[in-house]
Structure formats: C-alpha cells, structure tokens
PDB file of all heavy atoms in Angstrom:
ATOM      1  N   SER A   1      22.590  77.591-123.377  1.00  0.00           N
ATOM      2  CA  SER A   1      23.280  76.314-123.354  1.00  0.00           C
ATOM      3  C   SER A   1      23.031  75.553-124.651  1.00  0.00           C
ATOM      4  O   SER A   1      21.933  75.586-125.209  1.00  0.00           O
ATOM      5  CB  SER A   1      22.788  75.478-122.174  1.00  0.00           C
ATOM      6  OG  SER A   1      23.183  74.140-122.313  1.00  0.00           O
ATOM      7  N   PRO A   2      24.054  74.824-125.186  1.00  0.00           N
ATOM      8  CA  PRO A   2      23.854  74.042-126.398  1.00  0.00           C
ATOM      9  C   PRO A   2      22.862  72.910-126.201  1.00  0.00           C
ATOM     10  O   PRO A   2      22.388  72.321-127.172  1.00  0.00           O
ATOM     11  CB  PRO A   2      25.262  73.501-126.688  1.00  0.00           C
ATOM     12  CG  PRO A   2      25.963  73.508-125.374  1.00  0.00           C
ATOM     13  CD  PRO A   2      25.440  74.704-124.671  1.00  0.00           C
ATOM     14  N   PHE A   3      22.536  72.581-124.958  1.00  0.00           N
ATOM     15  CA  PHE A   3      21.580  71.508-124.698  1.00  0.00           C
ATOM     16  C   PHE A   3      20.145  72.004-124.685  1.00  0.00           C
ATOM     17  O   PHE A   3      19.224  71.228-124.565  1.00  0.00           O
ATOM     18  CB  PHE A   3      21.908  70.829-123.366  1.00  0.00           C
ATOM     19  CG  PHE A   3      23.251  70.165-123.355  1.00  0.00           C
ATOM     20  CD1 PHE A   3      24.316  70.736-122.678  1.00  0.00           C
ATOM     21  CD2 PHE A   3      23.462  68.987-124.047  1.00  0.00           C
ATOM     22  CE1 PHE A   3      25.561  70.137-122.669  1.00  0.00           C
ATOM     23  CE2 PHE A   3      24.711  68.375-124.045  1.00  0.00           C
ATOM     24  CZ  PHE A   3      25.763  68.950-123.361  1.00  0.00           C
ATOM     25  N   VAL A   4      19.977  73.318-124.782  1.00  0.00           N
ATOM     26  CA  VAL A   4      18.640  73.895-124.796  1.00  0.00           C
ATOM     27  C   VAL A   4      18.223  74.141-126.239  1.00  0.00           C
ATOM     28  O   VAL A   4      18.917  74.840-126.984  1.00  0.00           O
ATOM     29  CB  VAL A   4      18.587  75.224-124.008  1.00  0.00           C
ATOM     30  CG1 VAL A   4      17.191  75.826-124.087  1.00  0.00           C
ATOM     31  CG2 VAL A   4      18.982  74.989-122.560  1.00  0.00           C
ATOM     32  N   ASN A   5      17.098  73.549-126.670  1.00  0.00           N
ATOM     33  CA  ASN A   5      16.625  73.768-128.031  1.00  0.00           C
ATOM     34  C   ASN A   5      16.146  75.204-128.202  1.00  0.00           C
ATOM     35  O   ASN A   5      16.570  75.921-129.094  1.00  0.00           O
ATOM     36  CB  ASN A   5      15.474  72.814-128.353  1.00  0.00           C
ATOM     37  CG  ASN A   5      15.964  71.403-128.640  1.00  0.00           C
ATOM     38  OD1 ASN A   5      17.157  71.169-128.722  1.00  0.00           O
ATOM     39  ND2 ASN A   5      15.042  70.466-128.776  1.00  0.00           N
ATOM     40  N   ASN A   6      15.264  75.617-127.354  1.00  0.00           N
ATOM     41  CA  ASN A   6      14.696  76.973-127.366  1.00  0.00           C
ATOM     42  C   ASN A   6      13.795  77.107-126.153  1.00  0.00           C
ATOM     43  O   ASN A   6      13.765  76.237-125.288  1.00  0.00           O
ATOM     44  CB  ASN A   6      13.921  77.238-128.668  1.00  0.00           C
ATOM     45  CG  ASN A   6      12.945  76.125-128.994  1.00  0.00           C
ATOM     46  OD1 ASN A   6      12.329  75.562-128.096  1.00  0.00           O
ATOM     47  ND2 ASN A   6      12.808  75.811-130.273  1.00  0.00           N
ATOM     48  N   SER A   7      13.064  78.187-126.075  1.00  0.00           N
ATOM     49  CA  SER A   7      12.112  78.358-124.988  1.00  0.00           C
ATOM     50  C   SER A   7      10.706  78.084-125.498  1.00  0.00           C
ATOM     51  O   SER A   7      10.421  78.252-126.684  1.00  0.00           O
ATOM     52  CB  SER A   7      12.207  79.770-124.411  1.00  0.00           C
ATOM     53  OG  SER A   7      11.821  80.723-125.380  1.00  0.00           O
ATOM     54  N   VAL A   8       9.847  77.645-124.584  1.00  0.00           N
ATOM     55  CA  VAL A   8       8.456  77.382-124.922  1.00  0.00           C
ATOM     56  C   VAL A   8       7.576  78.058-123.884  1.00  0.00           C
ATOM     57  O   VAL A   8       8.011  78.349-122.771  1.00  0.00           O
ATOM     58  CB  VAL A   8       8.154  75.869-124.946  1.00  0.00           C
ATOM     59  CG1 VAL A   8       8.950  75.182-126.031  1.00  0.00           C
ATOM     60  CG2 VAL A   8       8.433  75.230-123.595  1.00  0.00           C
ATOM     61  N   GLN A   9       6.360  78.308-124.245  1.00  0.00           N
ATOM     62  CA  GLN A   9       5.411  78.869-123.298  1.00  0.00           C
ATOM     63  C   GLN A   9       4.781  77.753-122.475  1.00  0.00           C
ATOM     64  O   GLN A   9       4.476  76.668-122.988  1.00  0.00           O
ATOM     65  CB  GLN A   9       4.330  79.670-124.013  1.00  0.00           C
ATOM     66  CG  GLN A   9       4.806  81.030-124.509  1.00  0.00           C
ATOM     67  CD  GLN A   9       3.649  81.970-124.750  1.00  0.00           C
ATOM     68  OE1 GLN A   9       2.651  81.610-125.364  1.00  0.00           O
ATOM     69  NE2 GLN A   9       3.776  83.198-124.256  1.00  0.00           N
ATOM     70  N   ALA A  10       4.577  78.031-121.183  1.00  0.00           N
ATOM     71  CA  ALA A  10       3.976  77.057-120.275  1.00  0.00           C
ATOM     72  C   ALA A  10       3.069  77.780-119.295  1.00  0.00           C
ATOM     73  O   ALA A  10       3.329  78.924-118.918  1.00  0.00           O
ATOM     74  CB  ALA A  10       5.061  76.292-119.523  1.00  0.00           C
ATOM     75  N   ALA A  11       1.997  77.106-118.893  1.00  0.00           N
ATOM     76  CA  ALA A  11       1.118  77.631-117.855  1.00  0.00           C
ATOM     77  C   ALA A  11       1.644  77.138-116.518  1.00  0.00           C
ATOM     78  O   ALA A  11       1.736  75.933-116.284  1.00  0.00           O
ATOM     79  CB  ALA A  11      -0.317  77.159-118.069  1.00  0.00           C
ATOM     80  N   VAL A  12       2.004  78.071-115.626  1.00  0.00           N
ATOM     81  CA  VAL A  12       2.674  77.728-114.373  1.00  0.00           C
ATOM     82  C   VAL A  12       1.814  78.189-113.194  1.00  0.00           C
ATOM     83  O   VAL A  12       1.429  79.357-113.120  1.00  0.00           O
ATOM     84  CB  VAL A  12       4.065  78.386-114.291  1.00  0.00           C
ATOM     85  CG1 VAL A  12       4.763  77.993-112.993  1.00  0.00           C
ATOM     86  CG2 VAL A  12       4.918  77.998-115.505  1.00  0.00           C
ATOM     87  N   LEU A  13       1.518  77.243-112.285  1.00  0.00           N
ATOM     88  CA  LEU A  13       0.755  77.568-111.080  1.00  0.00           C
ATOM     89  C   LEU A  13       1.724  77.831-109.944  1.00  0.00           C
ATOM     90  O   LEU A  13       2.556  76.984-109.608  1.00  0.00           O
ATOM     91  CB  LEU A  13      -0.178  76.408-110.713  1.00  0.00           C
ATOM     92  CG  LEU A  13      -1.093  76.622-109.505  1.00  0.00           C
ATOM     93  CD1 LEU A  13      -2.075  77.759-109.773  1.00  0.00           C
ATOM     94  CD2 LEU A  13      -1.833  75.335-109.170  1.00  0.00           C
ATOM     95  N   TYR A  14       1.637  79.023-109.354  1.00  0.00           N
ATOM     96  CA  TYR A  14       2.550  79.409-108.279  1.00  0.00           C
ATOM     97  C   TYR A  14       1.941  79.101-106.915  1.00  0.00           C
ATOM     98  O   TYR A  14       0.728  79.232-106.731  1.00  0.00           O
ATOM     99  CB  TYR A  14       2.883  80.898-108.373  1.00  0.00           C
ATOM    100  CG  TYR A  14       3.947  81.206-109.391  1.00  0.00           C
ATOM    101  CD1 TYR A  14       3.646  81.265-110.746  1.00  0.00           C
ATOM    102  CD2 TYR A  14       5.271  81.392-108.999  1.00  0.00           C
ATOM    103  CE1 TYR A  14       4.628  81.528-111.693  1.00  0.00           C
ATOM    104  CE2 TYR A  14       6.254  81.659-109.941  1.00  0.00           C
ATOM    105  CZ  TYR A  14       5.932  81.725-111.278  1.00  0.00           C
ATOM    106  OH  TYR A  14       6.910  81.974-112.208  1.00  0.00           O
ATOM    107  N   PRO A  15       2.770  78.688-105.944  1.00  0.00           N
ATOM    108  CA  PRO A  15       2.258  78.401-104.601  1.00  0.00           C
ATOM    109  C   PRO A  15       1.925  79.684-103.861  1.00  0.00           C
ATOM    110  O   PRO A  15       2.321  80.774-104.261  1.00  0.00           O
ATOM    111  CB  PRO A  15       3.428  77.666-103.936  1.00  0.00           C
ATOM    112  CG  PRO A  15       4.648  78.211-104.628  1.00  0.00           C
ATOM    113  CD  PRO A  15       4.226  78.464-106.046  1.00  0.00           C
ATOM    114  N   GLY A  16       1.226  79.512-102.758  1.00  0.00           N
ATOM    115  CA  GLY A  16       0.874  80.676-101.946  1.00  0.00           C
ATOM    116  C   GLY A  16      -0.552  81.097-102.223  1.00  0.00           C
ATOM    117  O   GLY A  16      -1.506  80.486-101.759  1.00  0.00           O
ATOM    118  N   THR A  17      -0.723  82.117-103.035  1.00  0.00           N
ATOM    119  CA  THR A  17      -2.052  82.610-103.353  1.00  0.00           C
ATOM    120  C   THR A  17      -2.743  81.661-104.315  1.00  0.00           C
ATOM    121  O   THR A  17      -2.188  81.309-105.353  1.00  0.00           O
ATOM    122  CB  THR A  17      -1.979  84.009-103.997  1.00  0.00           C
ATOM    123  OG1 THR A  17      -1.242  84.876-103.139  1.00  0.00           O
ATOM    124  CG2 THR A  17      -3.371  84.570-104.213  1.00  0.00           C
ATOM    125  N   ASN A  18      -3.970  81.234-103.986  1.00  0.00           N
ATOM    126  CA  ASN A  18      -4.722  80.357-104.874  1.00  0.00           C
ATOM    127  C   ASN A  18      -5.012  81.062-106.196  1.00  0.00           C
ATOM    128  O   ASN A  18      -5.132  82.278-106.265  1.00  0.00           O
ATOM    129  CB  ASN A  18      -6.042  79.938-104.217  1.00  0.00           C
ATOM    130  CG  ASN A  18      -5.804  79.087-102.986  1.00  0.00           C
ATOM    131  OD1 ASN A  18      -4.751  78.479-102.837  1.00  0.00           O
ATOM    132  ND2 ASN A  18      -6.776  79.058-102.095  1.00  0.00           N
ATOM    133  N   ARG A  19      -5.074  80.289-107.279  1.00  0.00           N
ATOM    134  CA  ARG A  19      -5.429  80.773-108.613  1.00  0.00           C
ATOM    135  C   ARG A  19      -4.351  81.646-109.237  1.00  0.00           C
ATOM    136  O   ARG A  19      -4.605  82.350-110.211  1.00  0.00           O
ATOM    137  CB  ARG A  19      -6.770  81.533-108.583  1.00  0.00           C
ATOM    138  CG  ARG A  19      -7.937  80.695-108.069  1.00  0.00           C
ATOM    139  CD  ARG A  19      -9.192  81.541-107.933  1.00  0.00           C
ATOM    140  NE  ARG A  19     -10.265  80.795-107.317  1.00  0.00           N
ATOM    141  CZ  ARG A  19     -11.334  80.305-107.962  1.00  0.00           C
ATOM    142  NH1 ARG A  19     -11.441  80.485-109.258  1.00  0.00           N
ATOM    143  NH2 ARG A  19     -12.259  79.645-107.328  1.00  0.00           N
ATOM    144  N   ASP A  20      -3.125  81.590-108.697  1.00  0.00           N
ATOM    145  CA  ASP A  20      -2.036  82.383-109.269  1.00  0.00           C
ATOM    146  C   ASP A  20      -1.384  81.584-110.393  1.00  0.00           C
ATOM    147  O   ASP A  20      -0.364  80.936-110.222  1.00  0.00           O
ATOM    148  CB  ASP A  20      -1.008  82.724-108.182  1.00  0.00           C
ATOM    149  CG  ASP A  20       0.087  83.659-108.694  1.00  0.00           C
ATOM    150  OD1 ASP A  20      -0.023  84.124-109.852  1.00  0.00           O
ATOM    151  OD2 ASP A  20       1.041  83.917-107.948  1.00  0.00           O
ATOM    152  N   LEU A  21      -1.989  81.642-111.555  1.00  0.00           N
ATOM    153  CA  LEU A  21      -1.516  80.905-112.725  1.00  0.00           C
ATOM    154  C   LEU A  21      -1.020  81.889-113.769  1.00  0.00           C
ATOM    155  O   LEU A  21      -1.713  82.845-114.109  1.00  0.00           O
ATOM    156  CB  LEU A  21      -2.637  80.029-113.293  1.00  0.00           C
ATOM    157  CG  LEU A  21      -2.246  79.050-114.393  1.00  0.00           C
ATOM    158  CD1 LEU A  21      -3.103  77.778-114.290  1.00  0.00           C
ATOM    159  CD2 LEU A  21      -2.419  79.655-115.775  1.00  0.00           C
ATOM    160  N   ARG A  22       0.203  81.667-114.261  1.00  0.00           N
ATOM    161  CA  ARG A  22       0.810  82.581-115.226  1.00  0.00           C
ATOM    162  C   ARG A  22       1.329  81.798-116.436  1.00  0.00           C
ATOM    163  O   ARG A  22       1.872  80.707-116.294  1.00  0.00           O
ATOM    164  CB  ARG A  22       1.977  83.340-114.589  1.00  0.00           C
ATOM    165  CG  ARG A  22       1.668  83.922-113.218  1.00  0.00           C
ATOM    166  CD  ARG A  22       2.924  84.456-112.543  1.00  0.00           C
ATOM    167  NE  ARG A  22       2.723  84.649-111.107  1.00  0.00           N
ATOM    168  CZ  ARG A  22       3.676  84.997-110.267  1.00  0.00           C
ATOM    169  NH1 ARG A  22       4.910  85.211-110.720  1.00  0.00           N
ATOM    170  NH2 ARG A  22       3.416  85.126-108.972  1.00  0.00           N
ATOM    171  N   VAL A  23       1.149  82.359-117.617  1.00  0.00           N
ATOM    172  CA  VAL A  23       1.737  81.792-118.836  1.00  0.00           C
ATOM    173  C   VAL A  23       3.063  82.491-119.068  1.00  0.00           C
ATOM    174  O   VAL A  23       3.118  83.718-119.201  1.00  0.00           O
ATOM    175  CB  VAL A  23       0.804  81.974-120.049  1.00  0.00           C
ATOM    176  CG1 VAL A  23       1.474  81.462-121.312  1.00  0.00           C
ATOM    177  CG2 VAL A  23      -0.507  81.231-119.815  1.00  0.00           C
ATOM    178  N   GLU A  24       4.161  81.717-119.071  1.00  0.00           N
ATOM    179  CA  GLU A  24       5.497  82.303-119.168  1.00  0.00           C
ATOM    180  C   GLU A  24       6.426  81.404-119.960  1.00  0.00           C
ATOM    181  O   GLU A  24       6.090  80.254-120.282  1.00  0.00           O
ATOM    182  CB  GLU A  24       6.059  82.531-117.759  1.00  0.00           C
ATOM    183  CG  GLU A  24       6.137  81.263-116.916  1.00  0.00           C
ATOM    184  CD  GLU A  24       6.489  81.565-115.465  1.00  0.00           C
ATOM    185  OE1 GLU A  24       6.113  82.641-114.967  1.00  0.00           O
ATOM    186  OE2 GLU A  24       7.146  80.718-114.834  1.00  0.00           O
ATOM    187  N   ASP A  25       7.603  81.933-120.300  1.00  0.00           N
ATOM    188  CA  ASP A  25       8.588  81.175-121.080  1.00  0.00           C
ATOM    189  C   ASP A  25       9.392  80.246-120.179  1.00  0.00           C
ATOM    190  O   ASP A  25       9.788  80.618-119.072  1.00  0.00           O
ATOM    191  CB  ASP A  25       9.537  82.124-121.808  1.00  0.00           C
ATOM    192  CG  ASP A  25       8.848  82.864-122.941  1.00  0.00           C
ATOM    193  OD1 ASP A  25       7.851  82.342-123.472  1.00  0.00           O
ATOM    194  OD2 ASP A  25       9.307  83.971-123.295  1.00  0.00           O
ATOM    195  N   ARG A  26       9.644  79.041-120.664  1.00  0.00           N
ATOM    196  CA  ARG A  26      10.486  78.069-119.989  1.00  0.00           C
ATOM    197  C   ARG A  26      11.480  77.476-120.997  1.00  0.00           C
ATOM    198  O   ARG A  26      11.128  77.274-122.160  1.00  0.00           O
ATOM    199  CB  ARG A  26       9.640  76.935-119.392  1.00  0.00           C
ATOM    200  CG  ARG A  26       8.825  77.327-118.157  1.00  0.00           C
ATOM    201  CD  ARG A  26       9.727  77.521-116.957  1.00  0.00           C
ATOM    202  NE  ARG A  26       9.016  77.901-115.750  1.00  0.00           N
ATOM    203  CZ  ARG A  26       8.611  77.039-114.828  1.00  0.00           C
ATOM    204  NH1 ARG A  26       8.809  75.744-114.992  1.00  0.00           N
ATOM    205  NH2 ARG A  26       8.002  77.467-113.741  1.00  0.00           N
ATOM    206  N   ASP A  27      12.709  77.181-120.532  1.00  0.00           N
ATOM    207  CA  ASP A  27      13.686  76.535-121.408  1.00  0.00           C
ATOM    208  C   ASP A  27      13.240  75.120-121.746  1.00  0.00           C
ATOM    209  O   ASP A  27      12.690  74.398-120.907  1.00  0.00           O
ATOM    210  CB  ASP A  27      15.061  76.465-120.739  1.00  0.00           C
ATOM    211  CG  ASP A  27      15.760  77.817-120.694  1.00  0.00           C
ATOM    212  OD1 ASP A  27      15.405  78.686-121.518  1.00  0.00           O
ATOM    213  OD2 ASP A  27      16.643  77.995-119.834  1.00  0.00           O
TER     214      ASP A  27
END
C-alpha cells in the first residue's frame, strides 16, 4: 500500500502459551 512506509521488526507476545514472544516483521 502507498500508505505503508516499510516493514519494521517488533517483539510480539502471543496469547495462549505463556512466554510465547516472537520478533517478526510488521507494516
């Protein structure tokens, strides 16, 4: 999308299993 500058890395905590933290790309 022209409104998206680029992607950045972010640390994301997922629900469900405790301590499920992943570093992934986000717009």
